[in-house]
Protein backbone atom coordinates (compact mmCIF):
# COMPACT_ATOMS: atom_id res chain seq x y z
CA UNK A 1 -0.05 -0.03 -0.08
CA UNK A 2 2.95 2.33 0.71
CA UNK A 3 4.51 1.39 -2.77
CA UNK A 4 7.59 -0.12 -1.46
CA UNK A 5 7.72 -3.12 -3.91
CA UNK A 6 11.31 -4.03 -3.05
CA UNK A 7 10.35 -4.55 0.55
CA UNK A 8 7.41 -6.52 -0.57
CA UNK A 9 9.59 -8.89 -2.62
CA UNK A 10 12.10 -9.22 0.34
CA UNK A 11 9.41 -10.05 2.81
CA UNK A 12 7.84 -12.63 0.47
CA UNK A 13 11.24 -14.41 0.29
CA UNK A 14 11.83 -14.17 4.01
CA UNK A 15 8.36 -15.54 4.95
CA UNK A 16 8.65 -18.42 2.46
CA UNK A 17 12.19 -19.50 3.71
CA UNK A 18 11.31 -19.25 7.41
CA UNK A 19 12.15 -22.62 9.07
CA UNK A 20 9.38 -24.98 9.70
CA UNK A 21 6.91 -22.72 7.80
CA UNK A 22 3.49 -24.24 7.25
CA UNK A 23 2.47 -25.01 3.74
CA UNK A 24 -0.73 -23.03 4.23
CA UNK A 25 1.22 -19.92 5.18
CA UNK A 26 3.39 -20.11 2.06
CA UNK A 27 0.23 -20.66 -0.08
CA UNK A 28 -1.34 -17.59 1.36
CA UNK A 29 1.79 -15.59 0.91
CA UNK A 30 2.03 -16.64 -2.83
CA UNK A 31 -1.73 -16.04 -3.35
CA UNK A 32 -1.61 -12.56 -1.78
CA UNK A 33 1.57 -11.71 -3.95
CA UNK A 34 -0.37 -12.68 -7.08
CA UNK A 35 -3.19 -10.25 -6.08
CA UNK A 36 -0.70 -7.34 -5.94
CA UNK A 37 0.60 -8.10 -9.43
CA UNK A 38 -2.10 -5.94 -11.14
CA UNK A 39 -1.35 -3.01 -8.81
CA UNK A 40 2.27 -2.60 -9.68
CA UNK A 41 3.13 0.87 -10.89
CA UNK A 42 5.27 -0.12 -13.95
CA UNK A 43 6.34 -3.26 -15.96
CA UNK A 44 9.67 -3.43 -14.16
CA UNK A 45 8.13 -3.76 -10.75
CA UNK A 46 5.66 -6.25 -12.06
CA UNK A 47 8.34 -8.44 -13.53
CA UNK A 48 10.31 -8.18 -10.28
CA UNK A 49 7.35 -9.34 -8.27
CA UNK A 50 6.40 -12.14 -10.69
CA UNK A 51 10.05 -13.38 -10.68
CA UNK A 52 10.07 -13.45 -6.84
CA UNK A 53 6.83 -15.32 -6.68
CA UNK A 54 8.06 -17.73 -9.28
CA UNK A 55 11.28 -18.45 -7.35
CA UNK A 56 9.44 -18.79 -4.03
CA UNK A 57 7.02 -21.34 -5.53
CA UNK A 58 9.56 -23.42 -7.31
CA UNK A 59 9.56 -27.06 -6.26
CA UNK A 60 6.38 -26.74 -4.09
CA UNK A 61 3.42 -28.85 -5.29
CA UNK A 62 1.00 -27.02 -3.05
CA UNK A 63 1.42 -23.76 -5.08
CA UNK A 64 1.95 -25.38 -8.58
CA UNK A 65 -1.25 -23.77 -9.83
CA UNK A 66 -0.15 -20.28 -8.84
CA UNK A 67 3.30 -20.87 -10.29
CA UNK A 68 1.83 -21.85 -13.70
CA UNK A 69 -0.39 -18.80 -13.85
CA UNK A 70 2.61 -16.58 -12.86
CA UNK A 71 4.73 -18.23 -15.59
CA UNK A 72 2.11 -17.49 -18.23
CA UNK A 73 1.98 -13.87 -17.42
CA UNK A 74 5.75 -13.57 -17.57
CA UNK A 75 5.64 -15.36 -21.01
CA UNK A 76 2.96 -12.93 -22.25
CA UNK A 77 5.19 -9.91 -21.15
CA UNK A 78 8.23 -11.52 -22.95
CA UNK A 79 6.25 -12.13 -26.11
CA UNK A 80 4.91 -8.52 -26.18
CA UNK A 81 8.58 -7.43 -26.12
CA UNK A 82 9.27 -9.68 -29.10
CA UNK A 83 11.25 -12.21 -26.99
CA UNK A 84 9.41 -15.23 -28.42
CA UNK A 85 12.31 -17.55 -27.55
CA UNK A 86 12.35 -16.47 -23.95
CA UNK A 87 8.65 -16.83 -23.64
CA UNK A 88 8.75 -20.28 -25.16
CA UNK A 89 11.67 -21.51 -22.91
CA UNK A 90 10.03 -20.30 -19.73
CA UNK A 91 6.74 -21.92 -20.78
CA UNK A 92 8.29 -25.35 -21.55
CA UNK A 93 9.46 -25.68 -17.90
CA UNK A 94 5.86 -26.18 -16.77
CA UNK A 95 4.49 -29.74 -16.92
CA UNK A 96 0.89 -28.76 -16.24
CA UNK A 97 -0.48 -32.07 -17.58
CA UNK A 98 0.36 -33.59 -14.22
CA UNK A 99 -1.30 -30.91 -12.13
CA UNK A 100 -4.38 -32.08 -10.24
CA UNK A 101 -5.44 -28.69 -8.99
CA UNK A 102 -5.81 -27.27 -12.43
CA UNK A 103 -9.17 -27.66 -14.24
CA UNK A 104 -9.42 -29.21 -17.72
CA UNK A 105 -10.02 -25.94 -19.63
CA UNK A 106 -7.13 -23.99 -18.06
CA UNK A 107 -4.82 -26.94 -18.38
CA UNK A 108 -5.72 -27.33 -22.13
CA UNK A 109 -5.38 -23.56 -22.77
CA UNK A 110 -1.93 -23.61 -21.21
CA UNK A 111 -0.73 -26.59 -23.29
CA UNK A 112 -2.09 -24.81 -26.34
CA UNK A 113 -0.21 -21.73 -25.49
CA UNK A 114 3.04 -23.89 -25.23
CA UNK A 115 2.40 -25.27 -28.73
CA UNK A 116 1.66 -21.90 -30.21
CA UNK A 117 4.93 -20.42 -28.89
CA UNK A 118 6.88 -23.35 -30.15
CA UNK A 119 5.27 -22.86 -33.44
CA UNK A 120 6.16 -19.09 -33.40
CA UNK A 121 9.69 -20.12 -32.54
CA UNK A 122 9.61 -22.58 -35.58
CA UNK A 123 10.44 -25.52 -33.30
CA UNK A 124 8.07 -28.06 -34.77
CA UNK A 125 9.52 -31.05 -33.15
CA UNK A 126 9.01 -29.56 -29.69
CA UNK A 127 5.58 -28.26 -30.70
CA UNK A 128 4.68 -31.97 -31.56
CA UNK A 129 5.90 -33.22 -28.23
CA UNK A 130 3.76 -30.48 -26.48
CA UNK A 131 0.67 -31.35 -28.45
CA UNK A 132 0.80 -35.02 -27.45
CA UNK A 133 0.20 -33.84 -23.93
CA UNK A 134 -3.52 -33.35 -24.77
CA UNK A 135 -5.03 -36.71 -24.36
CA UNK A 136 -7.73 -38.51 -26.36
CA UNK A 137 -10.01 -38.16 -23.27
CA UNK A 138 -9.60 -34.46 -23.44
CA UNK A 139 -10.24 -34.34 -27.18
CA UNK A 140 -13.69 -36.02 -26.54
CA UNK A 141 -14.76 -33.41 -24.14
CA UNK A 142 -17.66 -31.37 -25.41
CA UNK A 143 -17.21 -28.43 -23.02
CA UNK A 144 -13.91 -27.25 -24.46
CA UNK A 145 -14.73 -27.78 -28.25
CA UNK A 146 -13.48 -24.29 -29.02
CA UNK A 147 -10.01 -25.23 -27.59
CA UNK A 148 -10.02 -28.62 -29.49
CA UNK A 149 -10.66 -26.75 -32.77
CA UNK A 150 -7.69 -24.65 -32.05
CA UNK A 151 -5.54 -27.60 -31.13
CA UNK A 152 -6.41 -29.20 -34.56
CA UNK A 153 -5.17 -26.12 -36.32
CA UNK A 154 -1.94 -26.15 -34.44
CA UNK A 155 -1.63 -29.87 -35.32
CA UNK A 156 -2.17 -29.18 -39.02
CA UNK A 157 0.78 -26.77 -39.01
CA UNK A 158 2.97 -29.31 -37.27
CA UNK A 159 2.04 -32.01 -39.65
CA UNK A 160 2.48 -29.96 -42.90
CA UNK A 161 6.09 -29.56 -41.90
CA UNK A 162 6.73 -33.27 -42.24
CA UNK A 163 4.26 -33.63 -45.24
CA UNK A 164 2.13 -36.14 -43.20
CA UNK A 165 -0.96 -35.33 -45.32
CA UNK A 166 -3.04 -38.22 -43.96
CA UNK A 167 -2.79 -36.74 -40.41
CA UNK A 168 -3.60 -33.29 -41.79
CA UNK A 169 -6.67 -34.79 -43.41
CA UNK A 170 -7.70 -36.42 -40.06
CA UNK A 171 -7.34 -33.08 -38.39
CA UNK A 172 -9.77 -31.33 -40.75
CA UNK A 173 -12.15 -34.20 -40.65
CA UNK A 174 -12.26 -33.97 -36.82
CA UNK A 175 -12.99 -30.20 -37.21
CA UNK A 176 -15.70 -31.01 -39.83
CA UNK A 177 -17.39 -33.42 -37.34
CA UNK A 178 -17.38 -30.87 -34.45
CA UNK A 179 -20.83 -29.72 -33.35
CA UNK A 180 -20.16 -25.97 -33.59
CA UNK A 181 -18.65 -26.43 -37.10
CA UNK A 182 -21.73 -28.40 -38.40
CA UNK A 183 -23.85 -25.39 -37.26
CA UNK A 184 -22.07 -23.22 -39.92
CA UNK A 185 -22.50 -24.50 -43.47
CA UNK A 186 -19.82 -22.35 -44.98
CA UNK A 187 -17.25 -23.46 -42.32
CA UNK A 188 -18.05 -27.19 -42.44
CA UNK A 189 -17.96 -27.26 -46.38
CA UNK A 190 -14.47 -25.66 -46.22
CA UNK A 191 -13.23 -28.16 -43.54
CA UNK A 192 -14.53 -31.02 -45.76
CA UNK A 193 -12.78 -29.64 -48.84
CA UNK A 194 -9.49 -29.36 -47.05
CA UNK A 195 -9.87 -32.97 -45.64
CA UNK A 196 -10.56 -34.46 -49.12
CA UNK A 197 -7.68 -32.40 -50.69
CA UNK A 198 -5.03 -33.68 -48.13
CA UNK A 199 -6.57 -37.18 -48.31
CA UNK A 200 -6.00 -37.22 -52.03
CA UNK A 201 -2.35 -36.07 -51.51
CA UNK A 202 -1.57 -38.70 -48.82
CA UNK A 203 0.24 -41.96 -49.62
CA UNK A 204 -1.80 -45.12 -50.05
CA UNK A 205 -2.30 -47.33 -46.92
CA UNK A 206 -5.24 -49.10 -45.44
CA UNK A 207 -6.42 -46.09 -43.46
CA UNK A 208 -6.17 -43.88 -46.53
CA UNK A 209 -8.21 -46.34 -48.60
CA UNK A 210 -10.77 -46.65 -45.86
CA UNK A 211 -11.24 -42.85 -45.51
CA UNK A 212 -11.45 -42.47 -49.37
CA UNK A 213 -14.52 -44.80 -49.43
CA UNK A 214 -16.05 -43.58 -46.17
CA UNK A 215 -15.92 -39.86 -47.23
CA UNK A 216 -17.16 -40.80 -50.70
CA UNK A 217 -20.40 -41.94 -49.07
CA UNK A 218 -21.13 -38.53 -47.33
CA UNK A 219 -24.28 -36.92 -48.52
CA UNK A 220 -22.61 -33.55 -48.03
CA UNK A 221 -20.64 -34.25 -51.26
CA UNK A 222 -23.87 -33.38 -53.12
CA UNK A 223 -22.87 -29.70 -52.41
CA UNK A 224 -19.40 -30.22 -53.34
CA UNK A 225 -19.53 -32.02 -56.85
CA UNK A 226 -16.02 -31.27 -57.88
CA UNK A 227 -14.68 -33.06 -54.79
CA UNK A 228 -17.04 -35.90 -55.21
CA UNK A 229 -15.59 -36.39 -58.74
CA UNK A 230 -12.04 -36.36 -57.42
CA UNK A 231 -12.88 -39.13 -54.85
CA UNK A 232 -14.62 -41.07 -57.59
CA UNK A 233 -11.36 -40.93 -59.76
CA UNK A 234 -9.24 -42.47 -56.99
CA UNK A 235 -11.64 -45.07 -55.78
CA UNK A 236 -12.52 -46.38 -59.27
CA UNK A 237 -10.24 -49.17 -60.93
CA UNK A 238 -9.62 -46.98 -64.07
CA UNK A 239 -6.66 -45.07 -65.23
CA UNK A 240 -6.52 -41.28 -64.50
CA UNK A 241 -5.08 -38.90 -67.18
CA UNK A 242 -2.95 -36.48 -65.23
CA UNK A 243 -3.26 -33.69 -67.75
CA UNK A 244 -7.10 -34.01 -67.60
CA UNK A 245 -7.02 -33.93 -63.91
CA UNK A 246 -4.73 -30.90 -63.72
CA UNK A 247 -6.73 -28.94 -66.24
CA UNK A 248 -10.04 -29.79 -64.61
CA UNK A 249 -9.34 -29.12 -60.98
CA UNK A 250 -6.08 -26.93 -60.73
CA UNK A 251 -8.03 -23.71 -60.45
CA UNK A 252 -10.36 -25.13 -57.83
CA UNK A 253 -7.56 -26.64 -55.62
CA UNK A 254 -5.40 -23.42 -56.00
CA UNK A 255 -8.35 -21.37 -54.82
CA UNK A 256 -8.84 -23.71 -51.80
CA UNK A 257 -5.12 -23.51 -50.75
CA UNK A 258 -5.18 -19.65 -50.95
CA UNK A 259 -8.34 -19.45 -48.91
CA UNK A 260 -7.08 -21.73 -46.14
CA UNK A 261 -4.22 -19.07 -45.42
CA UNK A 262 -1.56 -21.52 -44.38
CA UNK A 263 1.70 -20.19 -42.73
CA UNK A 264 3.39 -21.69 -45.87
CA UNK A 265 1.36 -22.95 -48.84
CA UNK A 266 1.89 -26.61 -49.45
CA UNK A 267 3.27 -27.56 -52.92
CA UNK A 268 0.35 -29.83 -54.00
CA UNK A 269 0.88 -30.43 -57.71
CA UNK A 270 3.91 -32.80 -57.39
CA UNK A 271 2.36 -35.00 -54.64
CA UNK A 272 -1.00 -35.14 -56.57
CA UNK A 273 0.83 -36.23 -59.73
CA UNK A 274 2.73 -38.84 -57.68
CA UNK A 275 -0.55 -40.30 -56.23
CA UNK A 276 -2.04 -40.25 -59.76
CA UNK A 277 0.85 -42.32 -61.20
CA UNK A 278 0.70 -44.73 -58.12
CA UNK A 279 -3.04 -45.18 -58.62
CA UNK A 280 -2.55 -45.94 -62.32
CA UNK A 281 0.36 -48.46 -61.55
CA UNK A 282 -2.04 -50.30 -59.14
CA UNK A 283 -4.86 -50.38 -61.71
CA UNK A 284 -2.47 -51.71 -64.41
CA UNK A 285 -1.11 -54.34 -62.01
CA UNK A 286 -4.59 -55.49 -61.30
CA UNK A 287 -5.38 -56.16 -65.05
CA UNK A 288 -2.03 -57.39 -66.30
CA UNK A 289 0.16 -60.21 -65.15
CA UNK A 290 3.03 -59.07 -67.40
CA UNK A 291 3.34 -56.02 -69.72
CA UNK A 292 6.11 -54.51 -72.06
CA UNK A 293 7.81 -51.55 -70.38
CA UNK A 294 7.34 -49.17 -73.26
CA UNK A 295 3.55 -50.01 -73.29
CA UNK A 296 3.32 -49.41 -69.48
CA UNK A 297 5.04 -46.08 -70.06
CA UNK A 298 2.38 -45.19 -72.64
CA UNK A 299 -0.43 -45.92 -70.17
CA UNK A 300 1.32 -43.90 -67.46
CA UNK A 301 2.09 -41.13 -69.80
CA UNK A 302 5.83 -41.20 -68.76
CA UNK A 303 9.12 -41.81 -70.35
CA UNK A 304 10.51 -45.47 -70.13
CA UNK A 305 13.22 -44.28 -67.58
CA UNK A 306 10.70 -42.60 -65.36
CA UNK A 307 8.35 -45.54 -65.55
CA UNK A 308 11.08 -47.81 -64.43
CA UNK A 309 11.94 -45.38 -61.51
CA UNK A 310 8.34 -45.21 -60.31
CA UNK A 311 7.93 -49.02 -60.39
CA UNK A 312 11.22 -49.47 -58.43
CA UNK A 313 10.18 -46.87 -55.85
CA UNK A 314 6.80 -48.50 -55.23
CA UNK A 315 8.33 -52.02 -54.93
CA UNK A 316 11.44 -51.30 -52.93
CA UNK A 317 10.77 -48.10 -50.97
CA UNK A 318 7.09 -48.15 -50.30
CA UNK A 319 6.36 -51.88 -50.47
CA UNK A 320 3.04 -50.86 -52.16
CA UNK A 321 3.37 -53.18 -55.21
CA UNK A 322 4.87 -56.51 -56.26
CA UNK A 323 6.64 -56.36 -59.57
CA UNK A 324 9.82 -57.49 -61.33
CA UNK A 325 11.47 -55.76 -64.41
CA UNK A 326 13.21 -57.84 -67.00
CA UNK A 327 15.30 -55.23 -68.53
CA UNK A 328 16.85 -57.13 -71.46
CA UNK A 329 13.41 -58.22 -72.57
CA UNK A 330 11.77 -55.01 -71.63
CA UNK A 331 8.97 -56.61 -69.57
CA UNK A 332 7.37 -55.83 -66.28
CA UNK A 333 5.91 -58.81 -64.40
CA UNK A 334 3.22 -57.99 -61.92
CA UNK A 335 2.03 -61.56 -60.98
CA UNK A 336 3.84 -62.87 -57.95
CA UNK A 337 5.22 -66.53 -58.43
CA UNK A 338 3.78 -69.13 -56.03
CA UNK A 339 6.01 -70.50 -53.41
CA UNK A 340 7.11 -74.14 -53.43
CA UNK A 341 4.85 -74.92 -50.44
CA UNK A 342 1.96 -73.27 -52.19
CA UNK A 343 2.52 -75.27 -55.35
CA UNK A 344 2.97 -78.56 -53.40
CA UNK A 345 -0.26 -77.91 -51.34
CA UNK A 346 -2.18 -77.14 -54.51
CA UNK A 347 -0.87 -80.41 -56.12
CA UNK A 348 -1.75 -82.37 -52.98
CA UNK A 349 -5.33 -80.91 -53.00
CA UNK A 350 -5.73 -81.78 -56.70
CA UNK A 351 -4.79 -85.44 -56.30
CA UNK A 352 -8.10 -86.67 -54.82
CA UNK A 353 -9.88 -84.81 -57.65
CA UNK A 354 -7.69 -86.42 -60.27
CA UNK A 355 -8.27 -89.92 -58.74
CA UNK A 356 -11.94 -89.15 -58.67
CA UNK A 357 -11.98 -88.29 -62.38
CA UNK A 358 -9.97 -91.37 -63.32
CA UNK A 359 -12.32 -93.68 -61.38
CA UNK A 360 -15.30 -92.00 -63.06
CA UNK A 361 -13.82 -92.50 -66.54
CA UNK A 362 -12.98 -96.13 -65.85
CA UNK A 363 -16.58 -96.59 -64.72
CA UNK A 364 -17.89 -95.09 -68.02
CA UNK A 365 -15.52 -97.25 -70.15
CA UNK A 366 -16.63 -100.45 -68.36
CA UNK A 367 -20.22 -99.37 -68.81
CA UNK A 368 -19.71 -98.74 -72.49
CA UNK A 369 -18.05 -102.14 -72.99
CA UNK A 370 -20.96 -103.87 -71.28
CA UNK A 371 -23.41 -102.08 -73.44
CA UNK A 372 -21.42 -103.12 -76.59
CA UNK A 373 -21.38 -106.77 -75.39
CA UNK A 374 -25.09 -106.85 -74.89
CA UNK A 375 -25.73 -105.54 -78.33
């Protein structure tokens, strides 16, 4: 009340360090100190008081909630001064996910603030680690849906850095399914567009295939005919002409990326072309057991060298296709040869059938002989 802030800081330290001081007393001292923060005459005095309170509360579980709130205020001050790295570093020290005294909303907000500061610092690895602190149980809570939607936007930014397009798709799909988003037609259509866009860009695996067919069945696609057509192309066992796909949908997809306002716009044309070629290779392998390399190149609309490289990549790197290339003969074989055990088992299974045919044939021969003798 007398404005002697240095004396206040000194007394807070003395009271907290007094021998055999009760926990309740230290808690009251820290809580009283927090109340005085807003009454400080200037930022310097405010920072001194906050630093004192943070030092006093260090290592004391019974004032962990107050320490977390103090830390967040200090981080906000540092960020306002442009010290993003300092704000990020001080926030990272707080393990609020273990705090039992902090309610779910405040805890989630704190973790999201940690993630946001890491993203501002461009520390995407640390941001991913922080984001994992939000559990699936928290994500299912309906009372903090606004925070969960913000969480998915942060996760999109993290996953785009590693080009994990399937996870980006799942983030937008989760936002699309949120109750508050479903109430806004313009918003949920945009979320569904982005989900389909990144789903098509993602590499083929069982989850991606399942999502393709699941989203294709959405009735909402009646309002998005262009995206319904894209899904149809990638779920039908037919070849896709890349030049037709690019001409037909390039303007729409470019407009979508621009409207999403990403931190850095994803380069989508090359991944989309890769997914188109991979789809075409899978289609060809389902119709042909063997094919000349130059003919395969014609079907894929690639050079022979590029075709060979694509087949090799899908076979060796991605394990998404079985194929062998006979270079001297210029032939690609897609049918996998049966193993010795499989051939033997098939032969053993056919032996009884063969004996049955022989027995029936003998019976018919004897029957014919008897008929001839009677005549």
